[in-house]
Amino acid sequence: MSRITIPALDLATGATADVYAQVRKIAGGSVPNLFAAMGHLAPAILAAALNAEGVLASGSLSKQDLETIKLLISEQTGCDYCVAAHTLLGKMTGLAPEALRQIRAGQATGDVKRDALVKFVLNLQKTSGTINESELAAISAAGYNDRQLVEISMAIAMTIFTNTFNRINDTDIDFPAVK
């Protein structure tokens, strides 16, 4: 059960009501529990996060690449909420259920480019310090350019942000359960 009590969404006013309206446009009319809590407590931070996500969505990484990163990071940080959300969103981008399971496990999916992305992101998540030249060469050889390395970095950062908040809040999962 979420640790932070959220008043009824229809009672929101001011900046909170404004950011909820922005979320509803993005999320097909609903306000997922993560955004309800964040918008209630810190509407400007949620607005900034939504803006950053919009920039990522209009970047050069594919939707499948973004969901691969977000799902893998969420699994690694242990955020059940985001694992459920990004499993659903990954399916909506066309990732097969088996590929989603493999991504969560950090295993090969059979897609050479996706597997290079998983390996690269997993390495960044599990190690510290500057990555070595061979790791950079491998992700570049898979077809990712320097701009996309910036986008990968931002996708990781944004995912860790929401993962961390959900872990603090124990946000009620309002997406289909993941097995």
N, C-alpha and C. Protein backbone atom coordinates (compact mmCIF):
# COMPACT_ATOMS: atom_id res chain seq x y z
N MET A 1 0.85 -1.18 0.00
CA MET A 1 0.00 0.00 0.00
C MET A 1 0.89 1.24 0.00
N SER A 2 0.56 2.18 -0.85
CA SER A 2 1.34 3.41 -0.93
C SER A 2 1.44 4.06 0.45
N ARG A 3 2.61 4.56 0.75
CA ARG A 3 2.86 5.19 2.04
C ARG A 3 2.36 6.62 2.08
N ILE A 4 2.26 7.25 0.93
CA ILE A 4 1.84 8.65 0.84
C ILE A 4 0.38 8.68 0.44
N THR A 5 -0.44 9.30 1.25
CA THR A 5 -1.87 9.41 0.96
C THR A 5 -2.09 10.53 -0.05
N ILE A 6 -2.81 10.21 -1.08
CA ILE A 6 -3.10 11.17 -2.15
C ILE A 6 -4.58 11.56 -2.06
N PRO A 7 -4.85 12.86 -1.96
CA PRO A 7 -6.26 13.27 -1.98
C PRO A 7 -6.90 12.91 -3.32
N ALA A 8 -8.20 12.93 -3.36
CA ALA A 8 -8.92 12.65 -4.61
C ALA A 8 -8.40 13.57 -5.71
N LEU A 9 -8.13 12.99 -6.87
CA LEU A 9 -7.55 13.75 -7.98
C LEU A 9 -8.44 14.92 -8.40
N ASP A 10 -9.75 14.75 -8.31
CA ASP A 10 -10.65 15.81 -8.75
C ASP A 10 -10.67 17.00 -7.79
N LEU A 11 -10.01 16.87 -6.62
CA LEU A 11 -9.91 17.98 -5.67
C LEU A 11 -8.64 18.81 -5.88
N ALA A 12 -7.78 18.35 -6.79
CA ALA A 12 -6.52 19.06 -7.03
C ALA A 12 -6.77 20.44 -7.61
N THR A 13 -5.92 21.38 -7.20
CA THR A 13 -6.01 22.75 -7.70
C THR A 13 -4.62 23.23 -8.10
N GLY A 14 -4.58 24.38 -8.76
CA GLY A 14 -3.31 25.04 -9.07
C GLY A 14 -2.38 24.18 -9.91
N ALA A 15 -1.11 24.22 -9.53
CA ALA A 15 -0.07 23.52 -10.29
C ALA A 15 -0.31 22.01 -10.33
N THR A 16 -0.87 21.47 -9.24
CA THR A 16 -1.14 20.03 -9.21
C THR A 16 -2.22 19.69 -10.23
N ALA A 17 -3.29 20.45 -10.28
CA ALA A 17 -4.35 20.20 -11.26
C ALA A 17 -3.80 20.34 -12.68
N ASP A 18 -2.94 21.33 -12.88
CA ASP A 18 -2.35 21.54 -14.21
C ASP A 18 -1.51 20.35 -14.65
N VAL A 19 -0.68 19.84 -13.75
CA VAL A 19 0.19 18.72 -14.13
C VAL A 19 -0.63 17.44 -14.29
N TYR A 20 -1.69 17.27 -13.50
CA TYR A 20 -2.57 16.12 -13.71
C TYR A 20 -3.22 16.18 -15.09
N ALA A 21 -3.61 17.37 -15.54
CA ALA A 21 -4.19 17.52 -16.88
C ALA A 21 -3.17 17.14 -17.94
N GLN A 22 -1.92 17.52 -17.72
CA GLN A 22 -0.85 17.15 -18.66
C GLN A 22 -0.67 15.63 -18.70
N VAL A 23 -0.70 14.99 -17.53
CA VAL A 23 -0.57 13.53 -17.46
C VAL A 23 -1.73 12.86 -18.18
N ARG A 24 -2.94 13.36 -17.95
CA ARG A 24 -4.12 12.76 -18.60
C ARG A 24 -4.00 12.78 -20.12
N LYS A 25 -3.43 13.86 -20.66
CA LYS A 25 -3.24 13.94 -22.12
C LYS A 25 -2.26 12.87 -22.59
N ILE A 26 -1.23 12.65 -21.83
CA ILE A 26 -0.19 11.69 -22.19
C ILE A 26 -0.68 10.25 -21.98
N ALA A 27 -1.40 10.03 -20.88
CA ALA A 27 -1.76 8.67 -20.44
C ALA A 27 -3.18 8.27 -20.81
N GLY A 28 -3.75 8.89 -21.82
CA GLY A 28 -5.06 8.46 -22.29
C GLY A 28 -6.19 8.70 -21.30
N GLY A 29 -6.10 9.77 -20.52
CA GLY A 29 -7.20 10.13 -19.63
C GLY A 29 -7.01 9.73 -18.18
N SER A 30 -6.02 8.91 -17.88
CA SER A 30 -5.82 8.47 -16.50
C SER A 30 -4.60 9.16 -15.89
N VAL A 31 -4.49 9.04 -14.58
CA VAL A 31 -3.32 9.53 -13.85
C VAL A 31 -2.78 8.34 -13.07
N PRO A 32 -1.74 7.68 -13.59
CA PRO A 32 -1.17 6.54 -12.85
C PRO A 32 -0.73 6.95 -11.44
N ASN A 33 -0.75 6.00 -10.53
CA ASN A 33 -0.45 6.26 -9.13
C ASN A 33 0.89 6.97 -8.92
N LEU A 34 1.91 6.60 -9.67
CA LEU A 34 3.20 7.28 -9.54
C LEU A 34 3.03 8.78 -9.76
N PHE A 35 2.34 9.16 -10.84
CA PHE A 35 2.18 10.56 -11.18
C PHE A 35 1.22 11.26 -10.22
N ALA A 36 0.23 10.54 -9.71
CA ALA A 36 -0.69 11.13 -8.73
C ALA A 36 0.08 11.54 -7.47
N ALA A 37 0.94 10.65 -6.99
CA ALA A 37 1.71 10.96 -5.78
C ALA A 37 2.70 12.08 -6.04
N MET A 38 3.45 11.97 -7.11
CA MET A 38 4.46 12.98 -7.42
C MET A 38 3.82 14.34 -7.67
N GLY A 39 2.74 14.36 -8.42
CA GLY A 39 2.07 15.62 -8.73
C GLY A 39 1.46 16.28 -7.52
N HIS A 40 0.99 15.48 -6.58
CA HIS A 40 0.42 16.01 -5.33
C HIS A 40 1.51 16.66 -4.48
N LEU A 41 2.66 16.01 -4.41
CA LEU A 41 3.72 16.48 -3.53
C LEU A 41 4.63 17.53 -4.16
N ALA A 42 4.91 17.38 -5.45
CA ALA A 42 5.89 18.25 -6.11
C ALA A 42 5.53 18.41 -7.59
N PRO A 43 4.48 19.19 -7.87
CA PRO A 43 4.03 19.31 -9.27
C PRO A 43 5.11 19.83 -10.22
N ALA A 44 5.96 20.72 -9.76
CA ALA A 44 7.01 21.25 -10.65
C ALA A 44 8.02 20.16 -11.00
N ILE A 45 8.32 19.28 -10.07
CA ILE A 45 9.25 18.18 -10.35
C ILE A 45 8.61 17.21 -11.33
N LEU A 46 7.33 16.89 -11.13
CA LEU A 46 6.66 16.01 -12.08
C LEU A 46 6.61 16.66 -13.46
N ALA A 47 6.33 17.94 -13.54
CA ALA A 47 6.30 18.62 -14.84
C ALA A 47 7.67 18.55 -15.51
N ALA A 48 8.73 18.73 -14.74
CA ALA A 48 10.09 18.64 -15.29
C ALA A 48 10.37 17.23 -15.79
N ALA A 49 9.94 16.23 -15.02
CA ALA A 49 10.15 14.84 -15.42
C ALA A 49 9.37 14.53 -16.70
N LEU A 50 8.14 15.00 -16.79
CA LEU A 50 7.34 14.78 -18.00
C LEU A 50 7.98 15.45 -19.20
N ASN A 51 8.52 16.63 -19.00
CA ASN A 51 9.21 17.33 -20.07
C ASN A 51 10.43 16.53 -20.53
N ALA A 52 11.21 16.05 -19.58
CA ALA A 52 12.39 15.24 -19.94
C ALA A 52 11.97 13.98 -20.69
N GLU A 53 10.92 13.34 -20.25
CA GLU A 53 10.43 12.14 -20.94
C GLU A 53 9.95 12.48 -22.35
N GLY A 54 9.33 13.64 -22.52
CA GLY A 54 8.91 14.07 -23.85
C GLY A 54 10.09 14.31 -24.77
N VAL A 55 11.16 14.89 -24.23
CA VAL A 55 12.37 15.09 -25.01
C VAL A 55 12.95 13.74 -25.43
N LEU A 56 13.00 12.80 -24.49
CA LEU A 56 13.50 11.46 -24.83
C LEU A 56 12.64 10.81 -25.91
N ALA A 57 11.34 10.92 -25.78
CA ALA A 57 10.43 10.30 -26.75
C ALA A 57 10.60 10.87 -28.15
N SER A 58 11.04 12.13 -28.24
CA SER A 58 11.23 12.73 -29.55
C SER A 58 12.68 12.62 -30.03
N GLY A 59 13.48 11.88 -29.29
CA GLY A 59 14.89 11.70 -29.64
C GLY A 59 15.09 10.65 -30.70
N SER A 60 16.31 10.19 -30.81
CA SER A 60 16.67 9.25 -31.87
C SER A 60 16.61 7.78 -31.47
N LEU A 61 16.42 7.51 -30.18
CA LEU A 61 16.24 6.11 -29.77
C LEU A 61 14.82 5.67 -30.09
N SER A 62 14.67 4.42 -30.48
CA SER A 62 13.33 3.90 -30.76
C SER A 62 12.56 3.72 -29.45
N LYS A 63 11.25 3.62 -29.57
CA LYS A 63 10.42 3.36 -28.39
C LYS A 63 10.82 2.02 -27.76
N GLN A 64 11.15 1.04 -28.59
CA GLN A 64 11.59 -0.24 -28.05
C GLN A 64 12.91 -0.10 -27.30
N ASP A 65 13.83 0.71 -27.83
CA ASP A 65 15.09 0.94 -27.12
C ASP A 65 14.83 1.57 -25.76
N LEU A 66 13.98 2.59 -25.73
CA LEU A 66 13.68 3.27 -24.47
C LEU A 66 13.04 2.31 -23.47
N GLU A 67 12.10 1.50 -23.93
CA GLU A 67 11.45 0.57 -23.00
C GLU A 67 12.41 -0.54 -22.56
N THR A 68 13.33 -0.92 -23.43
CA THR A 68 14.36 -1.89 -23.05
C THR A 68 15.18 -1.34 -21.89
N ILE A 69 15.64 -0.11 -22.02
CA ILE A 69 16.44 0.53 -20.97
C ILE A 69 15.63 0.64 -19.68
N LYS A 70 14.43 1.16 -19.78
CA LYS A 70 13.61 1.41 -18.60
C LYS A 70 13.23 0.12 -17.89
N LEU A 71 12.92 -0.91 -18.64
CA LEU A 71 12.57 -2.19 -18.03
C LEU A 71 13.79 -2.82 -17.35
N LEU A 72 14.92 -2.80 -18.02
CA LEU A 72 16.13 -3.39 -17.46
C LEU A 72 16.55 -2.66 -16.19
N ILE A 73 16.57 -1.34 -16.21
CA ILE A 73 16.95 -0.58 -15.02
C ILE A 73 15.96 -0.82 -13.89
N SER A 74 14.68 -0.84 -14.20
CA SER A 74 13.66 -1.07 -13.16
C SER A 74 13.83 -2.43 -12.52
N GLU A 75 14.14 -3.43 -13.32
CA GLU A 75 14.40 -4.76 -12.77
C GLU A 75 15.62 -4.74 -11.87
N GLN A 76 16.67 -4.08 -12.32
CA GLN A 76 17.91 -4.03 -11.55
C GLN A 76 17.75 -3.29 -10.23
N THR A 77 16.93 -2.24 -10.20
CA THR A 77 16.75 -1.49 -8.96
C THR A 77 15.69 -2.11 -8.06
N GLY A 78 14.93 -3.04 -8.60
CA GLY A 78 13.90 -3.71 -7.79
C GLY A 78 12.63 -2.90 -7.65
N CYS A 79 12.29 -2.12 -8.66
CA CYS A 79 11.06 -1.33 -8.62
C CYS A 79 9.93 -2.11 -9.28
N ASP A 80 9.12 -2.77 -8.47
CA ASP A 80 8.02 -3.58 -9.01
C ASP A 80 7.02 -2.74 -9.80
N TYR A 81 6.79 -1.51 -9.35
CA TYR A 81 5.86 -0.63 -10.05
C TYR A 81 6.34 -0.39 -11.48
N CYS A 82 7.60 0.01 -11.63
CA CYS A 82 8.11 0.34 -12.96
C CYS A 82 8.32 -0.92 -13.82
N VAL A 83 8.62 -2.05 -13.20
CA VAL A 83 8.70 -3.29 -13.98
C VAL A 83 7.34 -3.57 -14.61
N ALA A 84 6.27 -3.42 -13.83
CA ALA A 84 4.92 -3.65 -14.36
C ALA A 84 4.61 -2.63 -15.46
N ALA A 85 4.91 -1.36 -15.20
CA ALA A 85 4.60 -0.31 -16.18
C ALA A 85 5.37 -0.52 -17.48
N HIS A 86 6.67 -0.79 -17.38
CA HIS A 86 7.48 -0.89 -18.60
C HIS A 86 7.33 -2.24 -19.30
N THR A 87 6.83 -3.23 -18.60
CA THR A 87 6.46 -4.47 -19.29
C THR A 87 5.25 -4.20 -20.19
N LEU A 88 4.26 -3.51 -19.65
CA LEU A 88 3.08 -3.16 -20.45
C LEU A 88 3.46 -2.23 -21.60
N LEU A 89 4.23 -1.20 -21.29
CA LEU A 89 4.63 -0.25 -22.34
C LEU A 89 5.53 -0.92 -23.38
N GLY A 90 6.37 -1.84 -22.94
CA GLY A 90 7.21 -2.60 -23.88
C GLY A 90 6.36 -3.43 -24.84
N LYS A 91 5.33 -4.07 -24.30
CA LYS A 91 4.41 -4.83 -25.17
C LYS A 91 3.75 -3.90 -26.18
N MET A 92 3.40 -2.70 -25.73
CA MET A 92 2.73 -1.74 -26.62
C MET A 92 3.67 -1.27 -27.74
N THR A 93 4.98 -1.35 -27.52
CA THR A 93 5.93 -0.98 -28.59
C THR A 93 6.21 -2.14 -29.53
N GLY A 94 5.69 -3.32 -29.21
CA GLY A 94 5.89 -4.48 -30.07
C GLY A 94 6.92 -5.46 -29.56
N LEU A 95 7.47 -5.24 -28.37
CA LEU A 95 8.39 -6.23 -27.81
C LEU A 95 7.60 -7.47 -27.38
N ALA A 96 8.07 -8.62 -27.77
CA ALA A 96 7.40 -9.88 -27.45
C ALA A 96 7.55 -10.21 -25.97
N PRO A 97 6.58 -10.91 -25.39
CA PRO A 97 6.67 -11.29 -23.97
C PRO A 97 7.98 -12.01 -23.63
N GLU A 98 8.44 -12.90 -24.49
CA GLU A 98 9.70 -13.61 -24.22
C GLU A 98 10.88 -12.64 -24.22
N ALA A 99 10.89 -11.69 -25.15
CA ALA A 99 11.96 -10.69 -25.18
C ALA A 99 11.94 -9.85 -23.91
N LEU A 100 10.76 -9.50 -23.44
CA LEU A 100 10.64 -8.73 -22.20
C LEU A 100 11.20 -9.51 -21.01
N ARG A 101 10.93 -10.80 -20.95
CA ARG A 101 11.49 -11.65 -19.88
C ARG A 101 13.01 -11.70 -19.98
N GLN A 102 13.51 -11.84 -21.19
CA GLN A 102 14.96 -11.90 -21.40
C GLN A 102 15.63 -10.58 -21.04
N ILE A 103 15.02 -9.48 -21.41
CA ILE A 103 15.56 -8.16 -21.05
C ILE A 103 15.63 -8.04 -19.53
N ARG A 104 14.56 -8.40 -18.85
CA ARG A 104 14.55 -8.31 -17.37
C ARG A 104 15.67 -9.14 -16.76
N ALA A 105 15.96 -10.27 -17.38
CA ALA A 105 17.00 -11.17 -16.86
C ALA A 105 18.39 -10.78 -17.34
N GLY A 106 18.47 -9.79 -18.22
CA GLY A 106 19.76 -9.39 -18.77
C GLY A 106 20.33 -10.43 -19.72
N GLN A 107 19.44 -11.19 -20.35
CA GLN A 107 19.84 -12.27 -21.25
C GLN A 107 19.68 -11.84 -22.71
N ALA A 108 20.32 -12.58 -23.58
CA ALA A 108 20.22 -12.33 -25.02
C ALA A 108 18.80 -12.56 -25.51
N THR A 109 18.36 -11.67 -26.40
CA THR A 109 17.02 -11.78 -26.98
C THR A 109 17.06 -12.33 -28.40
N GLY A 110 18.26 -12.36 -28.98
CA GLY A 110 18.40 -12.77 -30.37
C GLY A 110 18.44 -11.60 -31.33
N ASP A 111 18.17 -10.40 -30.83
CA ASP A 111 18.28 -9.17 -31.61
C ASP A 111 19.64 -8.56 -31.26
N VAL A 112 20.56 -8.59 -32.20
CA VAL A 112 21.96 -8.20 -31.93
C VAL A 112 22.05 -6.78 -31.37
N LYS A 113 21.32 -5.85 -31.96
CA LYS A 113 21.40 -4.46 -31.50
C LYS A 113 20.80 -4.33 -30.10
N ARG A 114 19.65 -4.93 -29.87
CA ARG A 114 19.01 -4.87 -28.55
C ARG A 114 19.90 -5.53 -27.50
N ASP A 115 20.51 -6.65 -27.87
CA ASP A 115 21.38 -7.35 -26.91
C ASP A 115 22.59 -6.50 -26.56
N ALA A 116 23.13 -5.76 -27.52
CA ALA A 116 24.26 -4.85 -27.23
C ALA A 116 23.81 -3.74 -26.28
N LEU A 117 22.58 -3.25 -26.47
CA LEU A 117 22.04 -2.22 -25.59
C LEU A 117 21.87 -2.77 -24.17
N VAL A 118 21.31 -3.95 -24.05
CA VAL A 118 21.12 -4.57 -22.74
C VAL A 118 22.47 -4.75 -22.05
N LYS A 119 23.43 -5.27 -22.77
CA LYS A 119 24.75 -5.50 -22.19
C LYS A 119 25.38 -4.18 -21.73
N PHE A 120 25.27 -3.14 -22.55
CA PHE A 120 25.85 -1.84 -22.23
C PHE A 120 25.18 -1.23 -21.00
N VAL A 121 23.85 -1.21 -20.97
CA VAL A 121 23.11 -0.63 -19.86
C VAL A 121 23.36 -1.43 -18.58
N LEU A 122 23.36 -2.73 -18.70
CA LEU A 122 23.62 -3.57 -17.54
C LEU A 122 25.02 -3.32 -16.98
N ASN A 123 25.99 -3.17 -17.86
CA ASN A 123 27.35 -2.86 -17.43
C ASN A 123 27.40 -1.52 -16.70
N LEU A 124 26.73 -0.51 -17.25
CA LEU A 124 26.70 0.79 -16.59
C LEU A 124 26.04 0.71 -15.21
N GLN A 125 25.01 -0.10 -15.10
CA GLN A 125 24.27 -0.22 -13.84
C GLN A 125 25.06 -1.00 -12.78
N LYS A 126 25.81 -1.99 -13.21
CA LYS A 126 26.45 -2.89 -12.25
C LYS A 126 27.90 -2.53 -11.91
N THR A 127 28.47 -1.56 -12.64
CA THR A 127 29.86 -1.21 -12.39
C THR A 127 29.95 0.26 -11.99
N SER A 128 31.13 0.65 -11.56
CA SER A 128 31.35 2.06 -11.27
C SER A 128 32.61 2.50 -12.01
N GLY A 129 32.79 3.80 -12.07
CA GLY A 129 33.95 4.32 -12.77
C GLY A 129 33.71 4.44 -14.26
N THR A 130 34.71 4.93 -14.95
CA THR A 130 34.64 5.12 -16.39
C THR A 130 34.62 3.77 -17.10
N ILE A 131 33.73 3.62 -18.09
CA ILE A 131 33.71 2.37 -18.84
C ILE A 131 34.96 2.31 -19.73
N ASN A 132 35.34 1.10 -20.09
CA ASN A 132 36.55 0.99 -20.91
C ASN A 132 36.21 1.16 -22.39
N GLU A 133 37.26 1.35 -23.17
CA GLU A 133 37.11 1.60 -24.61
C GLU A 133 36.39 0.48 -25.33
N SER A 134 36.62 -0.77 -24.92
CA SER A 134 35.99 -1.89 -25.62
C SER A 134 34.47 -1.87 -25.44
N GLU A 135 34.00 -1.43 -24.29
CA GLU A 135 32.56 -1.34 -24.06
C GLU A 135 31.94 -0.23 -24.91
N LEU A 136 32.63 0.88 -25.01
CA LEU A 136 32.16 1.96 -25.87
C LEU A 136 32.20 1.53 -27.34
N ALA A 137 33.25 0.83 -27.72
CA ALA A 137 33.37 0.36 -29.10
C ALA A 137 32.24 -0.63 -29.43
N ALA A 138 31.88 -1.48 -28.47
CA ALA A 138 30.84 -2.48 -28.70
C ALA A 138 29.47 -1.83 -28.94
N ILE A 139 29.12 -0.83 -28.12
CA ILE A 139 27.81 -0.20 -28.31
C ILE A 139 27.81 0.62 -29.60
N SER A 140 28.93 1.21 -29.94
CA SER A 140 29.04 1.95 -31.21
C SER A 140 28.94 1.00 -32.40
N ALA A 141 29.61 -0.14 -32.30
CA ALA A 141 29.57 -1.13 -33.38
C ALA A 141 28.16 -1.68 -33.59
N ALA A 142 27.36 -1.68 -32.52
CA ALA A 142 25.98 -2.16 -32.64
C ALA A 142 25.08 -1.15 -33.34
N GLY A 143 25.61 0.08 -33.56
CA GLY A 143 24.84 1.06 -34.31
C GLY A 143 24.36 2.25 -33.51
N TYR A 144 24.80 2.38 -32.27
CA TYR A 144 24.40 3.53 -31.46
C TYR A 144 25.44 4.64 -31.60
N ASN A 145 24.96 5.86 -31.86
CA ASN A 145 25.86 6.99 -32.07
C ASN A 145 26.03 7.79 -30.78
N ASP A 146 26.88 8.80 -30.84
CA ASP A 146 27.19 9.60 -29.66
C ASP A 146 25.95 10.29 -29.08
N ARG A 147 25.09 10.81 -29.94
CA ARG A 147 23.86 11.44 -29.45
C ARG A 147 23.02 10.42 -28.68
N GLN A 148 22.94 9.21 -29.21
CA GLN A 148 22.15 8.18 -28.55
C GLN A 148 22.76 7.78 -27.21
N LEU A 149 24.06 7.90 -27.06
CA LEU A 149 24.68 7.63 -25.75
C LEU A 149 24.19 8.65 -24.72
N VAL A 150 23.99 9.90 -25.15
CA VAL A 150 23.43 10.91 -24.26
C VAL A 150 22.00 10.52 -23.89
N GLU A 151 21.22 10.09 -24.89
CA GLU A 151 19.84 9.71 -24.65
C GLU A 151 19.75 8.47 -23.76
N ILE A 152 20.64 7.52 -23.95
CA ILE A 152 20.69 6.33 -23.09
C ILE A 152 20.95 6.77 -21.66
N SER A 153 21.89 7.68 -21.47
CA SER A 153 22.22 8.18 -20.13
C SER A 153 21.00 8.83 -19.48
N MET A 154 20.28 9.65 -20.25
CA MET A 154 19.10 10.32 -19.70
C MET A 154 17.99 9.32 -19.39
N ALA A 155 17.80 8.33 -20.24
CA ALA A 155 16.78 7.32 -19.98
C ALA A 155 17.10 6.56 -18.69
N ILE A 156 18.35 6.24 -18.48
CA ILE A 156 18.75 5.57 -17.24
C ILE A 156 18.47 6.48 -16.05
N ALA A 157 18.88 7.74 -16.14
CA ALA A 157 18.69 8.68 -15.03
C ALA A 157 17.22 8.87 -14.69
N MET A 158 16.38 9.05 -15.68
CA MET A 158 14.95 9.26 -15.44
C MET A 158 14.31 8.01 -14.82
N THR A 159 14.76 6.85 -15.26
CA THR A 159 14.21 5.61 -14.71
C THR A 159 14.62 5.43 -13.27
N ILE A 160 15.87 5.69 -12.97
CA ILE A 160 16.33 5.59 -11.58
C ILE A 160 15.56 6.57 -10.70
N PHE A 161 15.26 7.76 -11.22
CA PHE A 161 14.48 8.75 -10.46
C PHE A 161 13.11 8.17 -10.07
N THR A 162 12.36 7.66 -11.04
CA THR A 162 11.03 7.14 -10.72
C THR A 162 11.12 5.87 -9.89
N ASN A 163 12.12 5.03 -10.18
CA ASN A 163 12.31 3.81 -9.38
C ASN A 163 12.53 4.16 -7.92
N THR A 164 13.37 5.14 -7.67
CA THR A 164 13.70 5.52 -6.31
C THR A 164 12.46 6.04 -5.57
N PHE A 165 11.70 6.91 -6.23
CA PHE A 165 10.50 7.42 -5.57
C PHE A 165 9.51 6.29 -5.28
N ASN A 166 9.31 5.39 -6.23
CA ASN A 166 8.38 4.28 -6.01
C ASN A 166 8.85 3.37 -4.88
N ARG A 167 10.14 3.19 -4.76
CA ARG A 167 10.66 2.35 -3.67
C ARG A 167 10.44 3.03 -2.32
N ILE A 168 10.57 4.34 -2.27
CA ILE A 168 10.30 5.09 -1.04
C ILE A 168 8.82 5.01 -0.70
N ASN A 169 7.97 5.26 -1.68
CA ASN A 169 6.52 5.35 -1.48
C ASN A 169 5.85 3.99 -1.41
N ASP A 170 6.47 2.95 -1.96
CA ASP A 170 5.81 1.66 -2.12
C ASP A 170 4.50 1.86 -2.90
N THR A 171 4.63 2.57 -4.00
CA THR A 171 3.48 2.98 -4.82
C THR A 171 2.64 1.78 -5.22
N ASP A 172 1.34 1.89 -4.98
CA ASP A 172 0.41 0.84 -5.41
C ASP A 172 0.51 0.66 -6.92
N ILE A 173 0.68 -0.58 -7.34
CA ILE A 173 0.82 -0.88 -8.77
C ILE A 173 -0.55 -0.87 -9.43
N ASP A 174 -0.68 -0.04 -10.43
CA ASP A 174 -1.94 0.07 -11.16
C ASP A 174 -1.77 -0.35 -12.63
N PHE A 175 -0.88 -1.29 -12.85
CA PHE A 175 -0.64 -1.90 -14.16
C PHE A 175 -0.79 -3.40 -13.98
N PRO A 176 -0.95 -4.14 -15.09
CA PRO A 176 -1.08 -5.60 -14.96
C PRO A 176 0.14 -6.22 -14.27
N ALA A 177 -0.12 -7.20 -13.42
CA ALA A 177 0.94 -7.88 -12.70
C ALA A 177 1.90 -8.57 -13.66
N VAL A 178 3.16 -8.59 -13.28
CA VAL A 178 4.20 -9.24 -14.09
C VAL A 178 4.61 -10.51 -13.38
N LYS A 179 4.70 -11.59 -14.17
CA LYS A 179 5.07 -12.89 -13.59
C LYS A 179 6.52 -13.17 -13.84
